[in-house]
Amino acid sequence: MKPYPGTNLCKDCLVFNYRLPRARRVSENAFGILAKCRVFGTTILTSMPNSKLIVLAAGSLHNFLTNRSKNTYIPEGCADREDILNGVVIEGTGGKTLLS
């Protein structure tokens, strides 16, 4: 997806342009963590239905581990986060996770 171009945008377009990079950052963090799994380090050599199941299972496992053992799975400062009060992105160190 691309942000709306220009400067004289309606409120809905401005909100979309603000939220798009935030959503992209969340998904990039998740994929960055999942990329450390060996199955995602190369082409998944299976059928499309099985590939979809593998990706869904990995996403579910990621969500489960994030909710259950966040401090050991994704240590503080490892992933990007946003300082909402100042609207600034604080980049993570990309440190080791449980999957490393």
PDB file of N, CA and C in Angstrom:
ATOM      1  N   MET A   1       0.841  -1.170   0.000  1.00  0.00           N
ATOM      2  CA  MET A   1       0.000   0.000   0.000  1.00  0.00           C
ATOM      3  C   MET A   1       0.888   1.235   0.000  1.00  0.00           C
ATOM      4  N   LYS A   2       0.371   2.283  -0.580  1.00  0.00           N
ATOM      5  CA  LYS A   2       1.103   3.540  -0.641  1.00  0.00           C
ATOM      6  C   LYS A   2       0.311   4.624   0.084  1.00  0.00           C
ATOM      7  N   PRO A   3       1.017   5.570   0.705  1.00  0.00           N
ATOM      8  CA  PRO A   3       0.314   6.692   1.328  1.00  0.00           C
ATOM      9  C   PRO A   3      -0.276   7.610   0.256  1.00  0.00           C
ATOM     10  N   TYR A   4      -1.268   8.373   0.630  1.00  0.00           N
ATOM     11  CA  TYR A   4      -1.836   9.358  -0.288  1.00  0.00           C
ATOM     12  C   TYR A   4      -0.807  10.457  -0.537  1.00  0.00           C
ATOM     13  N   PRO A   5      -0.588  10.813  -1.804  1.00  0.00           N
ATOM     14  CA  PRO A   5       0.391  11.863  -2.101  1.00  0.00           C
ATOM     15  C   PRO A   5      -0.199  13.255  -1.876  1.00  0.00           C
ATOM     16  N   GLY A   6       0.669  14.210  -1.749  1.00  0.00           N
ATOM     17  CA  GLY A   6       0.226  15.597  -1.639  1.00  0.00           C
ATOM     18  C   GLY A   6       0.212  16.095  -0.218  1.00  0.00           C
ATOM     19  N   THR A   7      -0.121  17.384  -0.109  1.00  0.00           N
ATOM     20  CA  THR A   7      -0.132  18.016   1.211  1.00  0.00           C
ATOM     21  C   THR A   7      -1.520  18.478   1.629  1.00  0.00           C
ATOM     22  N   ASN A   8      -2.372  18.779   0.682  1.00  0.00           N
ATOM     23  CA  ASN A   8      -3.709  19.277   1.004  1.00  0.00           C
ATOM     24  C   ASN A   8      -4.687  18.103   0.991  1.00  0.00           C
ATOM     25  N   LEU A   9      -4.634  17.275   2.051  1.00  0.00           N
ATOM     26  CA  LEU A   9      -5.417  16.045   2.105  1.00  0.00           C
ATOM     27  C   LEU A   9      -6.558  16.160   3.099  1.00  0.00           C
ATOM     28  N   CYS A  10      -7.607  15.364   2.861  1.00  0.00           N
ATOM     29  CA  CYS A  10      -8.726  15.322   3.810  1.00  0.00           C
ATOM     30  C   CYS A  10      -8.270  14.619   5.090  1.00  0.00           C
ATOM     31  N   LYS A  11      -9.069  14.738   6.133  1.00  0.00           N
ATOM     32  CA  LYS A  11      -8.711  14.181   7.431  1.00  0.00           C
ATOM     33  C   LYS A  11      -8.526  12.667   7.361  1.00  0.00           C
ATOM     34  N   ASP A  12      -9.418  11.962   6.630  1.00  0.00           N
ATOM     35  CA  ASP A  12      -9.308  10.505   6.516  1.00  0.00           C
ATOM     36  C   ASP A  12      -7.994  10.100   5.848  1.00  0.00           C
ATOM     37  N   CYS A  13      -7.563  10.846   4.832  1.00  0.00           N
ATOM     38  CA  CYS A  13      -6.303  10.552   4.147  1.00  0.00           C
ATOM     39  C   CYS A  13      -5.117  10.806   5.069  1.00  0.00           C
ATOM     40  N   LEU A  14      -5.166  11.857   5.861  1.00  0.00           N
ATOM     41  CA  LEU A  14      -4.090  12.149   6.810  1.00  0.00           C
ATOM     42  C   LEU A  14      -3.983  11.055   7.872  1.00  0.00           C
ATOM     43  N   VAL A  15      -5.134  10.594   8.360  1.00  0.00           N
ATOM     44  CA  VAL A  15      -5.135   9.515   9.351  1.00  0.00           C
ATOM     45  C   VAL A  15      -4.550   8.243   8.738  1.00  0.00           C
ATOM     46  N   PHE A  16      -4.948   7.940   7.499  1.00  0.00           N
ATOM     47  CA  PHE A  16      -4.414   6.772   6.815  1.00  0.00           C
ATOM     48  C   PHE A  16      -2.899   6.893   6.662  1.00  0.00           C
ATOM     49  N   ASN A  17      -2.420   8.041   6.228  1.00  0.00           N
ATOM     50  CA  ASN A  17      -0.979   8.253   6.044  1.00  0.00           C
ATOM     51  C   ASN A  17      -0.217   8.140   7.358  1.00  0.00           C
ATOM     52  N   TYR A  18      -0.847   8.489   8.459  1.00  0.00           N
ATOM     53  CA  TYR A  18      -0.210   8.371   9.763  1.00  0.00           C
ATOM     54  C   TYR A  18      -0.151   6.907  10.205  1.00  0.00           C
ATOM     55  N   ARG A  19      -1.239   6.163   9.973  1.00  0.00           N
ATOM     56  CA  ARG A  19      -1.327   4.791  10.465  1.00  0.00           C
ATOM     57  C   ARG A  19      -0.589   3.774   9.603  1.00  0.00           C
ATOM     58  N   LEU A  20      -0.444   4.038   8.321  1.00  0.00           N
ATOM     59  CA  LEU A  20       0.185   3.078   7.419  1.00  0.00           C
ATOM     60  C   LEU A  20       1.607   2.707   7.848  1.00  0.00           C
ATOM     61  N   PRO A  21       2.504   3.651   8.110  1.00  0.00           N
ATOM     62  CA  PRO A  21       3.857   3.245   8.522  1.00  0.00           C
ATOM     63  C   PRO A  21       3.880   2.556   9.885  1.00  0.00           C
ATOM     64  N   ARG A  22       2.944   2.891  10.751  1.00  0.00           N
ATOM     65  CA  ARG A  22       2.868   2.218  12.053  1.00  0.00           C
ATOM     66  C   ARG A  22       2.517   0.754  11.865  1.00  0.00           C
ATOM     67  N   ALA A  23       1.535   0.473  11.000  1.00  0.00           N
ATOM     68  CA  ALA A  23       1.146  -0.908  10.730  1.00  0.00           C
ATOM     69  C   ALA A  23       2.279  -1.660  10.033  1.00  0.00           C
ATOM     70  N   ARG A  24       2.950  -0.998   9.114  1.00  0.00           N
ATOM     71  CA  ARG A  24       4.066  -1.629   8.394  1.00  0.00           C
ATOM     72  C   ARG A  24       5.183  -1.996   9.369  1.00  0.00           C
ATOM     73  N   ARG A  25       5.464  -1.139  10.318  1.00  0.00           N
ATOM     74  CA  ARG A  25       6.528  -1.398  11.290  1.00  0.00           C
ATOM     75  C   ARG A  25       6.198  -2.622  12.137  1.00  0.00           C
ATOM     76  N   VAL A  26       4.948  -2.761  12.538  1.00  0.00           N
ATOM     77  CA  VAL A  26       4.541  -3.913  13.341  1.00  0.00           C
ATOM     78  C   VAL A  26       4.737  -5.202  12.550  1.00  0.00           C
ATOM     79  N   SER A  27       4.287  -5.210  11.298  1.00  0.00           N
ATOM     80  CA  SER A  27       4.424  -6.431  10.496  1.00  0.00           C
ATOM     81  C   SER A  27       5.890  -6.712  10.180  1.00  0.00           C
ATOM     82  N   GLU A  28       6.700  -5.684   9.945  1.00  0.00           N
ATOM     83  CA  GLU A  28       8.121  -5.901   9.683  1.00  0.00           C
ATOM     84  C   GLU A  28       8.833  -6.462  10.909  1.00  0.00           C
ATOM     85  N   ASN A  29       8.459  -6.006  12.104  1.00  0.00           N
ATOM     86  CA  ASN A  29       9.035  -6.576  13.327  1.00  0.00           C
ATOM     87  C   ASN A  29       8.699  -8.055  13.445  1.00  0.00           C
ATOM     88  N   ALA A  30       7.427  -8.396  13.194  1.00  0.00           N
ATOM     89  CA  ALA A  30       7.005  -9.798  13.295  1.00  0.00           C
ATOM     90  C   ALA A  30       7.742 -10.655  12.270  1.00  0.00           C
ATOM     91  N   PHE A  31       7.826 -10.201  11.025  1.00  0.00           N
ATOM     92  CA  PHE A  31       8.527 -10.973  10.011  1.00  0.00           C
ATOM     93  C   PHE A  31      10.022 -11.050  10.299  1.00  0.00           C
ATOM     94  N   GLY A  32      10.586 -10.002  10.861  1.00  0.00           N
ATOM     95  CA  GLY A  32      11.997 -10.039  11.237  1.00  0.00           C
ATOM     96  C   GLY A  32      12.278 -11.094  12.280  1.00  0.00           C
ATOM     97  N   ILE A  33      11.371 -11.226  13.224  1.00  0.00           N
ATOM     98  CA  ILE A  33      11.517 -12.249  14.256  1.00  0.00           C
ATOM     99  C   ILE A  33      11.311 -13.635  13.653  1.00  0.00           C
ATOM    100  N   LEU A  34      10.262 -13.777  12.833  1.00  0.00           N
ATOM    101  CA  LEU A  34       9.970 -15.082  12.227  1.00  0.00           C
ATOM    102  C   LEU A  34      11.041 -15.506  11.228  1.00  0.00           C
ATOM    103  N   ALA A  35      11.750 -14.552  10.644  1.00  0.00           N
ATOM    104  CA  ALA A  35      12.788 -14.890   9.662  1.00  0.00           C
ATOM    105  C   ALA A  35      13.916 -15.687  10.299  1.00  0.00           C
ATOM    106  N   LYS A  36      14.013 -15.651  11.605  1.00  0.00           N
ATOM    107  CA  LYS A  36      15.047 -16.415  12.290  1.00  0.00           C
ATOM    108  C   LYS A  36      14.704 -17.892  12.375  1.00  0.00           C
ATOM    109  N   CYS A  37      13.455 -18.247  12.069  1.00  0.00           N
ATOM    110  CA  CYS A  37      13.071 -19.659  11.984  1.00  0.00           C
ATOM    111  C   CYS A  37      13.624 -20.216  10.680  1.00  0.00           C
ATOM    112  N   ARG A  38      14.160 -21.393  10.725  1.00  0.00           N
ATOM    113  CA  ARG A  38      14.815 -21.963   9.554  1.00  0.00           C
ATOM    114  C   ARG A  38      13.868 -22.097   8.365  1.00  0.00           C
ATOM    115  N   VAL A  39      12.608 -22.390   8.603  1.00  0.00           N
ATOM    116  CA  VAL A  39      11.662 -22.586   7.504  1.00  0.00           C
ATOM    117  C   VAL A  39      11.471 -21.309   6.680  1.00  0.00           C
ATOM    118  N   PHE A  40      11.660 -20.136   7.286  1.00  0.00           N
ATOM    119  CA  PHE A  40      11.472 -18.875   6.577  1.00  0.00           C
ATOM    120  C   PHE A  40      12.780 -18.313   6.011  1.00  0.00           C
ATOM    121  N   GLY A  41      13.872 -19.041   6.182  1.00  0.00           N
ATOM    122  CA  GLY A  41      15.154 -18.582   5.674  1.00  0.00           C
ATOM    123  C   GLY A  41      15.355 -18.861   4.194  1.00  0.00           C
ATOM    124  N   THR A  42      14.452 -19.609   3.608  1.00  0.00           N
ATOM    125  CA  THR A  42      14.548 -19.978   2.200  1.00  0.00           C
ATOM    126  C   THR A  42      13.136 -20.165   1.649  1.00  0.00           C
ATOM    127  N   THR A  43      13.052 -20.565   0.400  1.00  0.00           N
ATOM    128  CA  THR A  43      11.750 -20.833  -0.203  1.00  0.00           C
ATOM    129  C   THR A  43      11.095 -22.017   0.505  1.00  0.00           C
ATOM    130  N   ILE A  44       9.823 -21.900   0.811  1.00  0.00           N
ATOM    131  CA  ILE A  44       9.103 -22.996   1.442  1.00  0.00           C
ATOM    132  C   ILE A  44       8.749 -23.997   0.348  1.00  0.00           C
ATOM    133  N   LEU A  45       9.365 -25.161   0.403  1.00  0.00           N
ATOM    134  CA  LEU A  45       9.205 -26.165  -0.651  1.00  0.00           C
ATOM    135  C   LEU A  45       8.044 -27.107  -0.331  1.00  0.00           C
ATOM    136  N   THR A  46       6.847 -26.588  -0.484  1.00  0.00           N
ATOM    137  CA  THR A  46       5.640 -27.380  -0.269  1.00  0.00           C
ATOM    138  C   THR A  46       4.523 -26.750  -1.079  1.00  0.00           C
ATOM    139  N   SER A  47       3.349 -27.335  -1.006  1.00  0.00           N
ATOM    140  CA  SER A  47       2.210 -26.808  -1.772  1.00  0.00           C
ATOM    141  C   SER A  47       1.739 -25.477  -1.183  1.00  0.00           C
ATOM    142  N   MET A  48       0.991 -24.737  -1.976  1.00  0.00           N
ATOM    143  CA  MET A  48       0.472 -23.445  -1.512  1.00  0.00           C
ATOM    144  C   MET A  48      -0.418 -23.601  -0.276  1.00  0.00           C
ATOM    145  N   PRO A  49      -1.344 -24.571  -0.238  1.00  0.00           N
ATOM    146  CA  PRO A  49      -2.159 -24.723   0.985  1.00  0.00           C
ATOM    147  C   PRO A  49      -1.302 -25.021   2.224  1.00  0.00           C
ATOM    148  N   ASN A  50      -0.281 -25.862   2.074  1.00  0.00           N
ATOM    149  CA  ASN A  50       0.594 -26.145   3.220  1.00  0.00           C
ATOM    150  C   ASN A  50       1.418 -24.929   3.605  1.00  0.00           C
ATOM    151  N   SER A  51       1.867 -24.152   2.613  1.00  0.00           N
ATOM    152  CA  SER A  51       2.626 -22.928   2.900  1.00  0.00           C
ATOM    153  C   SER A  51       1.781 -21.958   3.713  1.00  0.00           C
ATOM    154  N   LYS A  52       0.520 -21.823   3.317  1.00  0.00           N
ATOM    155  CA  LYS A  52      -0.381 -20.931   4.058  1.00  0.00           C
ATOM    156  C   LYS A  52      -0.535 -21.398   5.502  1.00  0.00           C
ATOM    157  N   LEU A  53      -0.669 -22.720   5.695  1.00  0.00           N
ATOM    158  CA  LEU A  53      -0.811 -23.253   7.053  1.00  0.00           C
ATOM    159  C   LEU A  53       0.458 -23.013   7.881  1.00  0.00           C
ATOM    160  N   ILE A  54       1.621 -23.143   7.259  1.00  0.00           N
ATOM    161  CA  ILE A  54       2.886 -22.905   7.963  1.00  0.00           C
ATOM    162  C   ILE A  54       2.982 -21.447   8.408  1.00  0.00           C
ATOM    163  N   VAL A  55       2.633 -20.525   7.520  1.00  0.00           N
ATOM    164  CA  VAL A  55       2.695 -19.098   7.852  1.00  0.00           C
ATOM    165  C   VAL A  55       1.687 -18.765   8.953  1.00  0.00           C
ATOM    166  N   LEU A  56       0.474 -19.302   8.848  1.00  0.00           N
ATOM    167  CA  LEU A  56      -0.532 -19.058   9.889  1.00  0.00           C
ATOM    168  C   LEU A  56      -0.103 -19.635  11.238  1.00  0.00           C
ATOM    169  N   ALA A  57       0.473 -20.834  11.218  1.00  0.00           N
ATOM    170  CA  ALA A  57       0.936 -21.454  12.463  1.00  0.00           C
ATOM    171  C   ALA A  57       2.062 -20.628  13.089  1.00  0.00           C
ATOM    172  N   ALA A  58       2.992 -20.148  12.253  1.00  0.00           N
ATOM    173  CA  ALA A  58       4.090 -19.332  12.768  1.00  0.00           C
ATOM    174  C   ALA A  58       3.567 -18.022  13.355  1.00  0.00           C
ATOM    175  N   GLY A  59       2.591 -17.410  12.685  1.00  0.00           N
ATOM    176  CA  GLY A  59       1.982 -16.185  13.213  1.00  0.00           C
ATOM    177  C   GLY A  59       1.283 -16.427  14.535  1.00  0.00           C
ATOM    178  N   SER A  60       0.577 -17.549  14.628  1.00  0.00           N
ATOM    179  CA  SER A  60      -0.107 -17.896  15.879  1.00  0.00           C
ATOM    180  C   SER A  60       0.902 -18.143  17.000  1.00  0.00           C
ATOM    181  N   LEU A  61       1.975 -18.860  16.676  1.00  0.00           N
ATOM    182  CA  LEU A  61       3.015 -19.107  17.666  1.00  0.00           C
ATOM    183  C   LEU A  61       3.651 -17.795  18.116  1.00  0.00           C
ATOM    184  N   HIS A  62       3.915 -16.905  17.177  1.00  0.00           N
ATOM    185  CA  HIS A  62       4.479 -15.593  17.503  1.00  0.00           C
ATOM    186  C   HIS A  62       3.553 -14.840  18.468  1.00  0.00           C
ATOM    187  N   ASN A  63       2.256 -14.797  18.143  1.00  0.00           N
ATOM    188  CA  ASN A  63       1.300 -14.099  19.017  1.00  0.00           C
ATOM    189  C   ASN A  63       1.232 -14.743  20.393  1.00  0.00           C
ATOM    190  N   PHE A  64       1.230 -16.070  20.436  1.00  0.00           N
ATOM    191  CA  PHE A  64       1.180 -16.785  21.714  1.00  0.00           C
ATOM    192  C   PHE A  64       2.402 -16.450  22.568  1.00  0.00           C
ATOM    193  N   LEU A  65       3.578 -16.544  21.958  1.00  0.00           N
ATOM    194  CA  LEU A  65       4.808 -16.261  22.716  1.00  0.00           C
ATOM    195  C   LEU A  65       4.900 -14.802  23.137  1.00  0.00           C
ATOM    196  N   THR A  66       4.416 -13.911  22.282  1.00  0.00           N
ATOM    197  CA  THR A  66       4.426 -12.491  22.622  1.00  0.00           C
ATOM    198  C   THR A  66       3.551 -12.240  23.847  1.00  0.00           C
ATOM    199  N   ASN A  67       2.401 -12.889  23.907  1.00  0.00           N
ATOM    200  CA  ASN A  67       1.472 -12.685  25.028  1.00  0.00           C
ATOM    201  C   ASN A  67       1.902 -13.415  26.291  1.00  0.00           C
ATOM    202  N   ARG A  68       2.500 -14.584  26.163  1.00  0.00           N
ATOM    203  CA  ARG A  68       2.821 -15.414  27.327  1.00  0.00           C
ATOM    204  C   ARG A  68       4.195 -15.162  27.932  1.00  0.00           C
ATOM    205  N   SER A  69       5.181 -14.892  27.101  1.00  0.00           N
ATOM    206  CA  SER A  69       6.543 -14.752  27.633  1.00  0.00           C
ATOM    207  C   SER A  69       7.289 -13.641  26.889  1.00  0.00           C
ATOM    208  N   LYS A  70       6.681 -12.474  26.897  1.00  0.00           N
ATOM    209  CA  LYS A  70       7.212 -11.351  26.119  1.00  0.00           C
ATOM    210  C   LYS A  70       8.654 -11.011  26.475  1.00  0.00           C
ATOM    211  N   ASN A  71       9.005 -11.011  27.752  1.00  0.00           N
ATOM    212  CA  ASN A  71      10.346 -10.578  28.153  1.00  0.00           C
ATOM    213  C   ASN A  71      11.443 -11.532  27.696  1.00  0.00           C
ATOM    214  N   THR A  72      11.127 -12.826  27.567  1.00  0.00           N
ATOM    215  CA  THR A  72      12.144 -13.763  27.100  1.00  0.00           C
ATOM    216  C   THR A  72      12.066 -13.956  25.595  1.00  0.00           C
ATOM    217  N   TYR A  73      10.904 -13.855  25.019  1.00  0.00           N
ATOM    218  CA  TYR A  73      10.735 -14.045  23.572  1.00  0.00           C
ATOM    219  C   TYR A  73      11.214 -12.821  22.797  1.00  0.00           C
ATOM    220  N   ILE A  74      10.787 -11.652  23.218  1.00  0.00           N
ATOM    221  CA  ILE A  74      11.228 -10.397  22.600  1.00  0.00           C
ATOM    222  C   ILE A  74      11.725  -9.497  23.732  1.00  0.00           C
ATOM    223  N   PRO A  75      13.025  -9.539  24.018  1.00  0.00           N
ATOM    224  CA  PRO A  75      13.547  -8.734  25.122  1.00  0.00           C
ATOM    225  C   PRO A  75      13.315  -7.235  24.904  1.00  0.00           C
ATOM    226  N   GLU A  76      13.240  -6.508  25.977  1.00  0.00           N
ATOM    227  CA  GLU A  76      13.041  -5.058  25.937  1.00  0.00           C
ATOM    228  C   GLU A  76      14.075  -4.416  25.025  1.00  0.00           C
ATOM    229  N   GLY A  77      13.612  -3.577  24.120  1.00  0.00           N
ATOM    230  CA  GLY A  77      14.507  -2.860  23.233  1.00  0.00           C
ATOM    231  C   GLY A  77      14.885  -3.610  21.962  1.00  0.00           C
ATOM    232  N   CYS A  78      14.405  -4.839  21.819  1.00  0.00           N
ATOM    233  CA  CYS A  78      14.746  -5.647  20.647  1.00  0.00           C
ATOM    234  C   CYS A  78      13.973  -5.183  19.411  1.00  0.00           C
ATOM    235  N   ALA A  79      12.694  -4.914  19.562  1.00  0.00           N
ATOM    236  CA  ALA A  79      11.838  -4.516  18.442  1.00  0.00           C
ATOM    237  C   ALA A  79      11.624  -3.003  18.449  1.00  0.00           C
ATOM    238  N   ASP A  80      11.268  -2.466  17.286  1.00  0.00           N
ATOM    239  CA  ASP A  80      10.944  -1.044  17.198  1.00  0.00           C
ATOM    240  C   ASP A  80       9.715  -0.753  18.052  1.00  0.00           C
ATOM    241  N   ARG A  81       9.656   0.461  18.572  1.00  0.00           N
ATOM    242  CA  ARG A  81       8.461   0.890  19.300  1.00  0.00           C
ATOM    243  C   ARG A  81       8.263   2.375  19.053  1.00  0.00           C
ATOM    244  N   GLU A  82       7.106   2.873  19.445  1.00  0.00           N
ATOM    245  CA  GLU A  82       6.804   4.276  19.192  1.00  0.00           C
ATOM    246  C   GLU A  82       6.579   5.001  20.490  1.00  0.00           C
ATOM    247  N   ASP A  83       7.200   6.152  20.621  1.00  0.00           N
ATOM    248  CA  ASP A  83       6.939   7.064  21.726  1.00  0.00           C
ATOM    249  C   ASP A  83       5.717   7.866  21.302  1.00  0.00           C
ATOM    250  N   ILE A  84       4.548   7.458  21.775  1.00  0.00           N
ATOM    251  CA  ILE A  84       3.284   8.042  21.321  1.00  0.00           C
ATOM    252  C   ILE A  84       3.181   9.514  21.692  1.00  0.00           C
ATOM    253  N   LEU A  85       3.694   9.888  22.848  1.00  0.00           N
ATOM    254  CA  LEU A  85       3.594  11.280  23.273  1.00  0.00           C
ATOM    255  C   LEU A  85       4.347  12.216  22.338  1.00  0.00           C
ATOM    256  N   ASN A  86       5.502  11.765  21.844  1.00  0.00           N
ATOM    257  CA  ASN A  86       6.317  12.612  20.977  1.00  0.00           C
ATOM    258  C   ASN A  86       6.196  12.256  19.502  1.00  0.00           C
ATOM    259  N   GLY A  87       5.496  11.129  19.197  1.00  0.00           N
ATOM    260  CA  GLY A  87       5.336  10.705  17.819  1.00  0.00           C
ATOM    261  C   GLY A  87       6.640  10.307  17.157  1.00  0.00           C
ATOM    262  N   VAL A  88       7.539   9.710  17.942  1.00  0.00           N
ATOM    263  CA  VAL A  88       8.861   9.336  17.441  1.00  0.00           C
ATOM    264  C   VAL A  88       9.017   7.818  17.494  1.00  0.00           C
ATOM    265  N   VAL A  89       9.615   7.243  16.450  1.00  0.00           N
ATOM    266  CA  VAL A  89       9.900   5.812  16.431  1.00  0.00           C
ATOM    267  C   VAL A  89      11.252   5.579  17.076  1.00  0.00           C
ATOM    268  N   ILE A  90      11.283   4.640  18.012  1.00  0.00           N
ATOM    269  CA  ILE A  90      12.528   4.252  18.669  1.00  0.00           C
ATOM    270  C   ILE A  90      12.899   2.892  18.105  1.00  0.00           C
ATOM    271  N   GLU A  91      13.963   2.858  17.319  1.00  0.00           N
ATOM    272  CA  GLU A  91      14.350   1.616  16.661  1.00  0.00           C
ATOM    273  C   GLU A  91      14.897   0.620  17.653  1.00  0.00           C
ATOM    274  N   GLY A  92      14.534  -0.643  17.430  1.00  0.00           N
ATOM    275  CA  GLY A  92      15.038  -1.718  18.272  1.00  0.00           C
ATOM    276  C   GLY A  92      16.448  -2.111  17.866  1.00  0.00           C
ATOM    277  N   THR A  93      17.075  -2.879  18.719  1.00  0.00           N
ATOM    278  CA  THR A  93      18.439  -3.299  18.451  1.00  0.00           C
ATOM    279  C   THR A  93      18.483  -4.518  17.543  1.00  0.00           C
ATOM    280  N   GLY A  94      17.335  -5.183  17.366  1.00  0.00           N
ATOM    281  CA  GLY A  94      17.318  -6.396  16.554  1.00  0.00           C
ATOM    282  C   GLY A  94      18.030  -7.529  17.265  1.00  0.00           C
ATOM    283  N   GLY A  95      18.056  -7.478  18.595  1.00  0.00           N
ATOM    284  CA  GLY A  95      18.763  -8.478  19.386  1.00  0.00           C
ATOM    285  C   GLY A  95      18.148  -9.855  19.279  1.00  0.00           C
ATOM    286  N   LYS A  96      18.730 -10.791  20.009  1.00  0.00           N
ATOM    287  CA  LYS A  96      18.295 -12.177  19.938  1.00  0.00           C
ATOM    288  C   LYS A  96      16.922 -12.353  20.571  1.00  0.00           C
ATOM    289  N   THR A  97      16.185 -13.293  19.998  1.00  0.00           N
ATOM    290  CA  THR A  97      14.894 -13.678  20.551  1.00  0.00           C
ATOM    291  C   THR A  97      14.946 -15.158  20.883  1.00  0.00           C
ATOM    292  N   LEU A  98      13.864 -15.686  21.396  1.00  0.00           N
ATOM    293  CA  LEU A  98      13.782 -17.087  21.733  1.00  0.00           C
ATOM    294  C   LEU A  98      14.028 -17.961  20.503  1.00  0.00           C
ATOM    295  N   LEU A  99      13.689 -17.451  19.313  1.00  0.00           N
ATOM    296  CA  LEU A  99      13.851 -18.218  18.083  1.00  0.00           C
ATOM    297  C   LEU A  99      15.266 -18.160  17.541  1.00  0.00           C
ATOM    298  N   SER A 100      16.134 -17.307  18.082  1.00  0.00           N
ATOM    299  CA  SER A 100      17.491 -17.148  17.545  1.00  0.00           C
ATOM    300  C   SER A 100      18.324 -18.379  17.831  1.00  0.00           C
TER     301      SER A 100
END
